PDB file of N, CA and C in Angstrom:
ATOM      1  N   MET A   1       0.752  -1.241  -0.080  1.00  0.00           N
ATOM      2  CA  MET A   1       0.035   0.024   0.060  1.00  0.00           C
ATOM      3  C   MET A   1       0.860   1.343  -0.026  1.00  0.00           C
ATOM      4  N   PRO A   2       0.619   2.076  -0.911  1.00  0.00           N
ATOM      5  CA  PRO A   2       1.376   3.512  -0.853  1.00  0.00           C
ATOM      6  C   PRO A   2       1.361   4.197   0.537  1.00  0.00           C
ATOM      7  N   ARG A   3       2.576   4.775   0.769  1.00  0.00           N
ATOM      8  CA  ARG A   3       2.639   5.654   1.968  1.00  0.00           C
ATOM      9  C   ARG A   3       2.911   7.213   1.611  1.00  0.00           C
ATOM     10  N   GLY A   4       2.637   7.993   2.677  1.00  0.00           N
ATOM     11  CA  GLY A   4       2.936   9.174   2.154  1.00  0.00           C
ATOM     12  C   GLY A   4       1.642  10.307   2.412  1.00  0.00           C
ATOM     13  N   GLY A   5       1.747  11.436   1.875  1.00  0.00           N
ATOM     14  CA  GLY A   5       0.433  12.330   2.002  1.00  0.00           C
ATOM     15  C   GLY A   5       0.962  13.425   3.030  1.00  0.00           C
ATOM     16  N   THR A   6      -0.087  14.224   3.302  1.00  0.00           N
ATOM     17  CA  THR A   6       0.103  15.425   4.156  1.00  0.00           C
ATOM     18  C   THR A   6       0.060  15.035   5.652  1.00  0.00           C
ATOM     19  N   VAL A   7       0.898  15.365   6.525  1.00  0.00           N
ATOM     20  CA  VAL A   7       0.728  15.026   7.729  1.00  0.00           C
ATOM     21  C   VAL A   7      -0.075  16.013   8.584  1.00  0.00           C
ATOM     22  N   ASN A   8       0.174  17.334   8.210  1.00  0.00           N
ATOM     23  CA  ASN A   8      -0.626  18.350   8.994  1.00  0.00           C
ATOM     24  C   ASN A   8      -1.543  19.254   7.867  1.00  0.00           C
ATOM     25  N   GLN A   9      -2.689  19.392   7.929  1.00  0.00           N
ATOM     26  CA  GLN A   9      -3.488  20.465   7.173  1.00  0.00           C
ATOM     27  C   GLN A   9      -3.676  21.508   8.318  1.00  0.00           C
ATOM     28  N   TYR A  10      -3.323  22.620   7.698  1.00  0.00           N
ATOM     29  CA  TYR A  10      -3.427  23.710   8.480  1.00  0.00           C
ATOM     30  C   TYR A  10      -4.752  24.567   8.093  1.00  0.00           C
ATOM     31  N   SER A  11      -5.687  24.814   9.015  1.00  0.00           N
ATOM     32  CA  SER A  11      -6.832  25.700   8.898  1.00  0.00           C
ATOM     33  C   SER A  11      -7.135  26.590  10.158  1.00  0.00           C
ATOM     34  N   GLU A  12      -7.633  27.604  10.023  1.00  0.00           N
ATOM     35  CA  GLU A  12      -7.941  28.383  11.002  1.00  0.00           C
ATOM     36  C   GLU A  12      -8.609  27.843  12.230  1.00  0.00           C
ATOM     37  N   THR A  13      -9.435  26.817  12.021  1.00  0.00           N
ATOM     38  CA  THR A  13     -10.164  26.216  13.171  1.00  0.00           C
ATOM     39  C   THR A  13      -9.395  25.237  14.008  1.00  0.00           C
ATOM     40  N   GLU A  14      -8.134  24.733  13.210  1.00  0.00           N
ATOM     41  CA  GLU A  14      -7.525  23.735  13.797  1.00  0.00           C
ATOM     42  C   GLU A  14      -6.070  24.042  14.580  1.00  0.00           C
ATOM     43  N   VAL A  15      -5.694  25.388  14.274  1.00  0.00           N
ATOM     44  CA  VAL A  15      -4.420  25.843  14.768  1.00  0.00           C
ATOM     45  C   VAL A  15      -4.713  26.961  15.600  1.00  0.00           C
ATOM     46  N   GLY A  16      -3.401  27.324  16.352  1.00  0.00           N
ATOM     47  CA  GLY A  16      -3.357  28.576  17.223  1.00  0.00           C
ATOM     48  C   GLY A  16      -2.194  29.350  16.584  1.00  0.00           C
ATOM     49  N   GLY A  17      -2.255  30.542  16.988  1.00  0.00           N
ATOM     50  CA  GLY A  17      -1.210  31.383  16.669  1.00  0.00           C
ATOM     51  C   GLY A  17      -1.481  32.356  15.522  1.00  0.00           C
ATOM     52  N   LEU A  18      -2.896  32.216  14.903  1.00  0.00           N
ATOM     53  CA  LEU A  18      -3.020  33.095  13.776  1.00  0.00           C
ATOM     54  C   LEU A  18      -3.562  34.428  14.113  1.00  0.00           C
ATOM     55  N   THR A  19      -3.906  34.640  15.450  1.00  0.00           N
ATOM     56  CA  THR A  19      -4.435  36.092  15.719  1.00  0.00           C
ATOM     57  C   THR A  19      -3.406  36.608  16.724  1.00  0.00           C
ATOM     58  N   LEU A  20      -3.368  37.970  17.061  1.00  0.00           N
ATOM     59  CA  LEU A  20      -2.300  38.421  18.013  1.00  0.00           C
ATOM     60  C   LEU A  20      -3.012  38.208  19.509  1.00  0.00           C
ATOM     61  N   ASP A  21      -4.081  37.652  19.742  1.00  0.00           N
ATOM     62  CA  ASP A  21      -4.627  37.267  21.073  1.00  0.00           C
ATOM     63  C   ASP A  21      -3.806  36.092  21.498  1.00  0.00           C
ATOM     64  N   ASP A  22      -3.230  35.236  20.668  1.00  0.00           N
ATOM     65  CA  ASP A  22      -2.387  34.130  20.974  1.00  0.00           C
ATOM     66  C   ASP A  22      -0.849  34.382  21.284  1.00  0.00           C
ATOM     67  N   TRP A  23      -0.454  35.562  21.237  1.00  0.00           N
ATOM     68  CA  TRP A  23       0.879  35.911  21.439  1.00  0.00           C
ATOM     69  C   TRP A  23       0.998  37.150  22.259  1.00  0.00           C
ATOM     70  N   GLU A  24       2.305  37.114  22.943  1.00  0.00           N
ATOM     71  CA  GLU A  24       2.894  38.367  23.773  1.00  0.00           C
ATOM     72  C   GLU A  24       3.811  38.963  22.739  1.00  0.00           C
ATOM     73  N   THR A  25       3.652  40.325  22.665  1.00  0.00           N
ATOM     74  CA  THR A  25       4.460  40.934  21.751  1.00  0.00           C
ATOM     75  C   THR A  25       5.221  42.040  22.606  1.00  0.00           C
ATOM     76  N   ASP A  26       6.327  42.604  21.921  1.00  0.00           N
ATOM     77  CA  ASP A  26       7.148  43.530  22.499  1.00  0.00           C
ATOM     78  C   ASP A  26       6.439  44.920  22.298  1.00  0.00           C
ATOM     79  N   PRO A  27       5.992  45.478  23.389  1.00  0.00           N
ATOM     80  CA  PRO A  27       5.204  46.662  23.239  1.00  0.00           C
ATOM     81  C   PRO A  27       6.033  48.015  22.755  1.00  0.00           C
ATOM     82  N   ASP A  28       7.417  47.883  22.786  1.00  0.00           N
ATOM     83  CA  ASP A  28       8.176  48.918  22.459  1.00  0.00           C
ATOM     84  C   ASP A  28       8.387  48.974  20.906  1.00  0.00           C
ATOM     85  N   GLU A  29       7.956  47.808  20.276  1.00  0.00           N
ATOM     86  CA  GLU A  29       8.164  47.873  18.688  1.00  0.00           C
ATOM     87  C   GLU A  29       6.791  48.414  18.169  1.00  0.00           C
ATOM     88  N   THR A  30       6.774  49.500  17.500  1.00  0.00           N
ATOM     89  CA  THR A  30       5.631  50.065  16.975  1.00  0.00           C
ATOM     90  C   THR A  30       5.638  49.887  15.317  1.00  0.00           C
ATOM     91  N   ASP A  31       6.834  49.724  14.604  1.00  0.00           N
ATOM     92  CA  ASP A  31       6.752  49.608  13.206  1.00  0.00           C
ATOM     93  C   ASP A  31       6.811  48.159  12.773  1.00  0.00           C
ATOM     94  N   LYS A  32       6.943  47.055  13.629  1.00  0.00           N
ATOM     95  CA  LYS A  32       6.780  45.871  13.314  1.00  0.00           C
ATOM     96  C   LYS A  32       6.177  45.097  14.521  1.00  0.00           C
ATOM     97  N   ILE A  33       5.776  43.828  14.395  1.00  0.00           N
ATOM     98  CA  ILE A  33       5.171  43.177  15.381  1.00  0.00           C
ATOM     99  C   ILE A  33       6.367  41.996  15.841  1.00  0.00           C
ATOM    100  N   VAL A  34       6.870  42.023  16.988  1.00  0.00           N
ATOM    101  CA  VAL A  34       7.975  41.149  17.615  1.00  0.00           C
ATOM    102  C   VAL A  34       7.185  40.227  18.507  1.00  0.00           C
ATOM    103  N   LEU A  35       7.040  38.983  18.012  1.00  0.00           N
ATOM    104  CA  LEU A  35       6.475  37.958  19.086  1.00  0.00           C
ATOM    105  C   LEU A  35       7.372  37.445  20.055  1.00  0.00           C
ATOM    106  N   THR A  36       7.075  37.627  21.149  1.00  0.00           N
ATOM    107  CA  THR A  36       7.950  37.256  22.469  1.00  0.00           C
ATOM    108  C   THR A  36       7.699  35.837  23.079  1.00  0.00           C
ATOM    109  N   LYS A  37       6.261  35.517  23.130  1.00  0.00           N
ATOM    110  CA  LYS A  37       5.858  34.318  23.748  1.00  0.00           C
ATOM    111  C   LYS A  37       4.447  33.776  23.226  1.00  0.00           C
ATOM    112  N   TYR A  38       4.337  32.543  22.908  1.00  0.00           N
ATOM    113  CA  TYR A  38       3.118  32.122  22.551  1.00  0.00           C
ATOM    114  C   TYR A  38       2.136  31.652  23.798  1.00  0.00           C
ATOM    115  N   ILE A  39       0.975  32.391  24.058  1.00  0.00           N
ATOM    116  CA  ILE A  39       0.032  32.274  25.138  1.00  0.00           C
ATOM    117  C   ILE A  39      -1.397  31.460  24.741  1.00  0.00           C
ATOM    118  N   GLY A  40      -1.301  31.112  23.472  1.00  0.00           N
ATOM    119  CA  GLY A  40      -2.454  30.264  23.162  1.00  0.00           C
ATOM    120  C   GLY A  40      -2.378  28.754  23.702  1.00  0.00           C
ATOM    121  N   ASP A  41      -3.386  27.997  23.376  1.00  0.00           N
ATOM    122  CA  ASP A  41      -3.435  26.656  23.945  1.00  0.00           C
ATOM    123  C   ASP A  41      -3.406  25.494  22.795  1.00  0.00           C
ATOM    124  N   GLN A  42      -3.327  25.950  21.617  1.00  0.00           N
ATOM    125  CA  GLN A  42      -3.435  24.828  20.466  1.00  0.00           C
ATOM    126  C   GLN A  42      -2.093  24.288  20.492  1.00  0.00           C
ATOM    127  N   VAL A  43      -1.706  22.913  20.151  1.00  0.00           N
ATOM    128  CA  VAL A  43      -0.640  22.416  19.991  1.00  0.00           C
ATOM    129  C   VAL A  43      -0.132  22.320  18.464  1.00  0.00           C
ATOM    130  N   ASN A  44      -0.894  22.624  17.514  1.00  0.00           N
ATOM    131  CA  ASN A  44      -0.536  22.978  16.201  1.00  0.00           C
ATOM    132  C   ASN A  44      -0.409  24.476  16.003  1.00  0.00           C
ATOM    133  N   VAL A  45       0.645  25.155  15.704  1.00  0.00           N
ATOM    134  CA  VAL A  45       0.848  26.494  15.752  1.00  0.00           C
ATOM    135  C   VAL A  45       1.464  26.906  14.530  1.00  0.00           C
ATOM    136  N   VAL A  46       0.744  28.156  13.882  1.00  0.00           N
ATOM    137  CA  VAL A  46       1.071  28.810  12.764  1.00  0.00           C
ATOM    138  C   VAL A  46       1.624  30.257  13.263  1.00  0.00           C
ATOM    139  N   ILE A  47       2.865  30.428  12.848  1.00  0.00           N
ATOM    140  CA  ILE A  47       3.143  31.926  13.027  1.00  0.00           C
ATOM    141  C   ILE A  47       3.100  32.538  11.547  1.00  0.00           C
ATOM    142  N   PRO A  48       2.068  33.442  11.593  1.00  0.00           N
ATOM    143  CA  PRO A  48       1.616  34.126  10.270  1.00  0.00           C
ATOM    144  C   PRO A  48       2.851  35.083   9.835  1.00  0.00           C
ATOM    145  N   SER A  49       2.627  35.340   8.530  1.00  0.00           N
ATOM    146  CA  SER A  49       3.709  36.429   7.892  1.00  0.00           C
ATOM    147  C   SER A  49       2.962  37.764   8.140  1.00  0.00           C
ATOM    148  N   GLU A  50       1.587  37.771   8.447  1.00  0.00           N
ATOM    149  CA  GLU A  50       0.905  38.987   8.644  1.00  0.00           C
ATOM    150  C   GLU A  50      -0.227  38.810   9.514  1.00  0.00           C
ATOM    151  N   PHE A  51      -0.528  39.678  10.343  1.00  0.00           N
ATOM    152  CA  PHE A  51      -1.689  39.548  11.237  1.00  0.00           C
ATOM    153  C   PHE A  51      -2.857  40.591  10.639  1.00  0.00           C
ATOM    154  N   GLU A  52      -4.055  39.955  10.759  1.00  0.00           N
ATOM    155  CA  GLU A  52      -5.215  40.764  10.428  1.00  0.00           C
ATOM    156  C   GLU A  52      -5.251  42.139  11.273  1.00  0.00           C
ATOM    157  N   GLY A  53      -5.518  43.177  10.558  1.00  0.00           N
ATOM    158  CA  GLY A  53      -5.538  44.449  11.210  1.00  0.00           C
ATOM    159  C   GLY A  53      -4.330  45.079  11.466  1.00  0.00           C
ATOM    160  N   GLN A  54      -3.127  44.501  11.061  1.00  0.00           N
ATOM    161  CA  GLN A  54      -1.803  44.847  11.081  1.00  0.00           C
ATOM    162  C   GLN A  54      -1.022  44.745   9.834  1.00  0.00           C
ATOM    163  N   GLU A  55      -1.826  44.837   8.701  1.00  0.00           N
ATOM    164  CA  GLU A  55      -1.395  44.680   7.278  1.00  0.00           C
ATOM    165  C   GLU A  55      -0.204  45.735   7.147  1.00  0.00           C
ATOM    166  N   GLY A  56       0.771  45.212   6.605  1.00  0.00           N
ATOM    167  CA  GLY A  56       2.071  45.979   6.186  1.00  0.00           C
ATOM    168  C   GLY A  56       3.075  45.982   7.189  1.00  0.00           C
ATOM    169  N   LYS A  57       2.755  45.506   8.518  1.00  0.00           N
ATOM    170  CA  LYS A  57       3.813  45.275   9.532  1.00  0.00           C
ATOM    171  C   LYS A  57       4.645  44.046   9.333  1.00  0.00           C
ATOM    172  N   THR A  58       5.735  44.003   9.295  1.00  0.00           N
ATOM    173  CA  THR A  58       6.556  42.664   9.417  1.00  0.00           C
ATOM    174  C   THR A  58       6.492  42.033  10.763  1.00  0.00           C
ATOM    175  N   VAL A  59       6.609  40.675  10.551  1.00  0.00           N
ATOM    176  CA  VAL A  59       6.644  39.883  11.848  1.00  0.00           C
ATOM    177  C   VAL A  59       7.856  39.296  12.127  1.00  0.00           C
ATOM    178  N   GLU A  60       8.263  39.418  13.349  1.00  0.00           N
ATOM    179  CA  GLU A  60       9.712  39.126  13.830  1.00  0.00           C
ATOM    180  C   GLU A  60       9.403  38.144  14.944  1.00  0.00           C
ATOM    181  N   ILE A  61      10.196  36.926  14.992  1.00  0.00           N
ATOM    182  CA  ILE A  61      10.304  36.102  16.206  1.00  0.00           C
ATOM    183  C   ILE A  61      11.358  36.491  17.030  1.00  0.00           C
ATOM    184  N   LYS A  62      11.222  36.923  18.081  1.00  0.00           N
ATOM    185  CA  LYS A  62      12.298  37.353  19.060  1.00  0.00           C
ATOM    186  C   LYS A  62      13.420  36.412  19.377  1.00  0.00           C
ATOM    187  N   THR A  63      12.753  35.098  19.755  1.00  0.00           N
ATOM    188  CA  THR A  63      13.585  34.005  19.985  1.00  0.00           C
ATOM    189  C   THR A  63      12.707  32.840  20.223  1.00  0.00           C
ATOM    190  N   PHE A  64      13.263  31.593  19.947  1.00  0.00           N
ATOM    191  CA  PHE A  64      12.524  30.511  20.189  1.00  0.00           C
ATOM    192  C   PHE A  64      12.728  29.919  21.561  1.00  0.00           C
ATOM    193  N   ASP A  65      13.557  30.539  22.260  1.00  0.00           N
ATOM    194  CA  ASP A  65      13.921  30.151  23.617  1.00  0.00           C
ATOM    195  C   ASP A  65      12.797  30.313  24.570  1.00  0.00           C
ATOM    196  N   GLY A  66      12.145  29.473  25.141  1.00  0.00           N
ATOM    197  CA  GLY A  66      11.090  29.841  26.032  1.00  0.00           C
ATOM    198  C   GLY A  66       9.618  30.119  25.297  1.00  0.00           C
ATOM    199  N   MET A  67       9.682  30.184  24.065  1.00  0.00           N
ATOM    200  CA  MET A  67       8.564  30.673  23.364  1.00  0.00           C
ATOM    201  C   MET A  67       7.257  29.878  23.547  1.00  0.00           C
ATOM    202  N   PHE A  68       7.441  28.578  23.680  1.00  0.00           N
ATOM    203  CA  PHE A  68       6.271  27.728  23.981  1.00  0.00           C
ATOM    204  C   PHE A  68       6.250  26.979  25.187  1.00  0.00           C
ATOM    205  N   ASP A  69       6.789  27.830  26.360  1.00  0.00           N
ATOM    206  CA  ASP A  69       6.775  27.140  27.733  1.00  0.00           C
ATOM    207  C   ASP A  69       5.302  26.929  28.285  1.00  0.00           C
ATOM    208  N   ASN A  70       4.451  27.594  27.755  1.00  0.00           N
ATOM    209  CA  ASN A  70       3.014  27.394  28.396  1.00  0.00           C
ATOM    210  C   ASN A  70       2.436  25.982  27.828  1.00  0.00           C
ATOM    211  N   LEU A  71       3.074  25.496  26.873  1.00  0.00           N
ATOM    212  CA  LEU A  71       2.708  24.072  26.501  1.00  0.00           C
ATOM    213  C   LEU A  71       3.581  22.941  27.139  1.00  0.00           C
ATOM    214  N   LYS A  72       4.481  23.269  28.053  1.00  0.00           N
ATOM    215  CA  LYS A  72       5.313  22.443  28.653  1.00  0.00           C
ATOM    216  C   LYS A  72       4.515  21.720  29.726  1.00  0.00           C
ATOM    217  N   LYS A  73       4.689  20.363  29.885  1.00  0.00           N
ATOM    218  CA  LYS A  73       3.971  19.630  30.915  1.00  0.00           C
ATOM    219  C   LYS A  73       4.828  18.819  31.739  1.00  0.00           C
ATOM    220  N   GLU A  74       4.548  18.473  32.824  1.00  0.00           N
ATOM    221  CA  GLU A  74       5.344  17.500  33.784  1.00  0.00           C
ATOM    222  C   GLU A  74       5.150  16.087  33.240  1.00  0.00           C
ATOM    223  N   ASN A  75       6.355  15.408  33.119  1.00  0.00           N
ATOM    224  CA  ASN A  75       6.266  14.086  32.779  1.00  0.00           C
ATOM    225  C   ASN A  75       6.098  13.171  33.937  1.00  0.00           C
ATOM    226  N   LEU A  76       5.103  12.525  34.309  1.00  0.00           N
ATOM    227  CA  LEU A  76       4.936  11.768  35.515  1.00  0.00           C
ATOM    228  C   LEU A  76       5.882  10.665  35.607  1.00  0.00           C
ATOM    229  N   SER A  77       6.487  10.323  34.659  1.00  0.00           N
ATOM    230  CA  SER A  77       7.446   9.161  34.777  1.00  0.00           C
ATOM    231  C   SER A  77       8.797   9.642  35.305  1.00  0.00           C
ATOM    232  N   GLY A  78       9.004  11.013  34.969  1.00  0.00           N
ATOM    233  CA  GLY A  78      10.221  11.570  35.577  1.00  0.00           C
ATOM    234  C   GLY A  78      11.367  11.589  34.560  1.00  0.00           C
ATOM    235  N   ASN A  79      11.220  10.891  33.484  1.00  0.00           N
ATOM    236  CA  ASN A  79      12.545  10.843  32.503  1.00  0.00           C
ATOM    237  C   ASN A  79      12.097  11.211  30.947  1.00  0.00           C
ATOM    238  N   PRO A  80      12.193  12.422  30.470  1.00  0.00           N
ATOM    239  CA  PRO A  80      12.797  13.525  31.246  1.00  0.00           C
ATOM    240  C   PRO A  80      11.689  14.014  32.013  1.00  0.00           C
ATOM    241  N   LYS A  81      11.902  14.980  32.805  1.00  0.00           N
ATOM    242  CA  LYS A  81      11.108  15.603  33.797  1.00  0.00           C
ATOM    243  C   LYS A  81       9.929  16.453  33.222  1.00  0.00           C
ATOM    244  N   TYR A  82      10.174  17.152  32.077  1.00  0.00           N
ATOM    245  CA  TYR A  82       9.192  17.837  31.329  1.00  0.00           C
ATOM    246  C   TYR A  82       9.112  17.380  29.769  1.00  0.00           C
ATOM    247  N   TYR A  83       8.078  17.683  29.053  1.00  0.00           N
ATOM    248  CA  TYR A  83       7.917  17.426  27.798  1.00  0.00           C
ATOM    249  C   TYR A  83       7.049  18.450  27.265  1.00  0.00           C
ATOM    250  N   ASN A  84       7.144  18.812  25.986  1.00  0.00           N
ATOM    251  CA  ASN A  84       6.363  20.044  25.457  1.00  0.00           C
ATOM    252  C   ASN A  84       5.313  19.421  24.428  1.00  0.00           C
ATOM    253  N   GLU A  85       4.168  19.866  24.586  1.00  0.00           N
ATOM    254  CA  GLU A  85       3.083  19.280  23.832  1.00  0.00           C
ATOM    255  C   GLU A  85       2.822  19.895  22.342  1.00  0.00           C
ATOM    256  N   LEU A  86       3.742  20.805  21.988  1.00  0.00           N
ATOM    257  CA  LEU A  86       3.836  21.245  20.667  1.00  0.00           C
ATOM    258  C   LEU A  86       3.959  20.349  19.791  1.00  0.00           C
ATOM    259  N   VAL A  87       2.991  20.002  18.880  1.00  0.00           N
ATOM    260  CA  VAL A  87       2.834  18.957  17.803  1.00  0.00           C
ATOM    261  C   VAL A  87       3.633  19.395  16.506  1.00  0.00           C
ATOM    262  N   SER A  88       3.224  20.539  16.108  1.00  0.00           N
ATOM    263  CA  SER A  88       3.622  21.170  14.734  1.00  0.00           C
ATOM    264  C   SER A  88       3.682  22.597  14.863  1.00  0.00           C
ATOM    265  N   LEU A  89       4.663  23.086  13.925  1.00  0.00           N
ATOM    266  CA  LEU A  89       4.789  24.566  13.926  1.00  0.00           C
ATOM    267  C   LEU A  89       5.146  24.935  12.484  1.00  0.00           C
ATOM    268  N   LYS A  90       4.423  25.859  11.827  1.00  0.00           N
ATOM    269  CA  LYS A  90       4.728  26.229  10.634  1.00  0.00           C
ATOM    270  C   LYS A  90       4.789  27.696  10.784  1.00  0.00           C
ATOM    271  N   VAL A  91       5.858  28.447  10.125  1.00  0.00           N
ATOM    272  CA  VAL A  91       6.301  29.715   9.965  1.00  0.00           C
ATOM    273  C   VAL A  91       6.038  30.195   8.676  1.00  0.00           C
ATOM    274  N   GLY A  92       5.019  31.101   8.576  1.00  0.00           N
ATOM    275  CA  GLY A  92       4.855  31.913   7.286  1.00  0.00           C
ATOM    276  C   GLY A  92       3.311  31.364   6.787  1.00  0.00           C
ATOM    277  N   THR A  93       2.645  32.281   6.216  1.00  0.00           N
ATOM    278  CA  THR A  93       1.379  31.987   5.719  1.00  0.00           C
ATOM    279  C   THR A  93       1.285  32.459   4.130  1.00  0.00           C
ATOM    280  N   THR A  94       2.136  33.338   3.664  1.00  0.00           N
ATOM    281  CA  THR A  94       2.205  33.986   2.565  1.00  0.00           C
ATOM    282  C   THR A  94       3.753  34.153   2.134  1.00  0.00           C
ATOM    283  N   ASP A  95       3.838  34.636   0.996  1.00  0.00           N
ATOM    284  CA  ASP A  95       5.212  34.964   0.585  1.00  0.00           C
ATOM    285  C   ASP A  95       5.954  35.856   1.293  1.00  0.00           C
ATOM    286  N   LYS A  96       5.534  36.685   2.174  1.00  0.00           N
ATOM    287  CA  LYS A  96       6.192  37.471   3.082  1.00  0.00           C
ATOM    288  C   LYS A  96       7.108  36.705   3.967  1.00  0.00           C
ATOM    289  N   LYS A  97       8.242  37.222   4.454  1.00  0.00           N
ATOM    290  CA  LYS A  97       9.017  36.645   5.243  1.00  0.00           C
ATOM    291  C   LYS A  97       8.713  36.868   6.675  1.00  0.00           C
ATOM    292  N   VAL A  98       9.009  36.122   7.641  1.00  0.00           N
ATOM    293  CA  VAL A  98       8.955  36.141   9.048  1.00  0.00           C
ATOM    294  C   VAL A  98      10.566  36.101   9.522  1.00  0.00           C
ATOM    295  N   THR A  99      11.006  37.112  10.016  1.00  0.00           N
ATOM    296  CA  THR A  99      12.382  37.095  10.541  1.00  0.00           C
ATOM    297  C   THR A  99      12.592  36.601  11.885  1.00  0.00           C
ATOM    298  N   LEU A 100      13.758  36.206  12.305  1.00  0.00           N
ATOM    299  CA  LEU A 100      14.274  35.731  13.621  1.00  0.00           C
ATOM    300  C   LEU A 100      15.067  36.821  14.110  1.00  0.00           C
ATOM    301  N   GLY A 101      14.657  37.305  15.406  1.00  0.00           N
ATOM    302  CA  GLY A 101      15.516  38.363  16.082  1.00  0.00           C
ATOM    303  C   GLY A 101      16.604  38.052  16.688  1.00  0.00           C
ATOM    304  N   THR A 102      17.224  36.847  16.641  1.00  0.00           N
ATOM    305  CA  THR A 102      18.189  36.365  17.271  1.00  0.00           C
ATOM    306  C   THR A 102      19.140  35.355  16.233  1.00  0.00           C
ATOM    307  N   ASP A 103      20.416  35.413  16.496  1.00  0.00           N
ATOM    308  CA  ASP A 103      21.186  34.489  15.523  1.00  0.00           C
ATOM    309  C   ASP A 103      21.374  33.021  15.977  1.00  0.00           C
ATOM    310  N   SER A 104      20.544  32.792  17.063  1.00  0.00           N
ATOM    311  CA  SER A 104      20.652  31.337  17.516  1.00  0.00           C
ATOM    312  C   SER A 104      19.253  30.796  17.753  1.00  0.00           C
ATOM    313  N   LEU A 105      19.050  29.371  17.444  1.00  0.00           N
ATOM    314  CA  LEU A 105      17.889  28.830  17.586  1.00  0.00           C
ATOM    315  C   LEU A 105      17.838  27.980  18.918  1.00  0.00           C
ATOM    316  N   TYR A 106      18.784  28.288  19.814  1.00  0.00           N
ATOM    317  CA  TYR A 106      18.771  27.571  21.113  1.00  0.00           C
ATOM    318  C   TYR A 106      17.437  27.564  21.911  1.00  0.00           C
TER     319      TYR A 106
END
């Protein structure tokens, strides 16, 4: 039997991160949107290239370090002590770029 196909289908009803309500942002930035932390509860997350109502503003990810800590859960078996429930992450929804505000993906 053939294998393959699409693992994740992204739609606005199945993913989080598509609205600014799902994010903490850097309040000091006014000419662009700098995402600092995901505060939504969906485990399939899309970081869009542009947010509704904020057309024309570029999107920047400040860092991935701690970005999804709200999805971190304690592992009852203790090894490892914590795990992250994040299942999938897609960056970009259009041909516009999403920039990374750090030179490290640590």
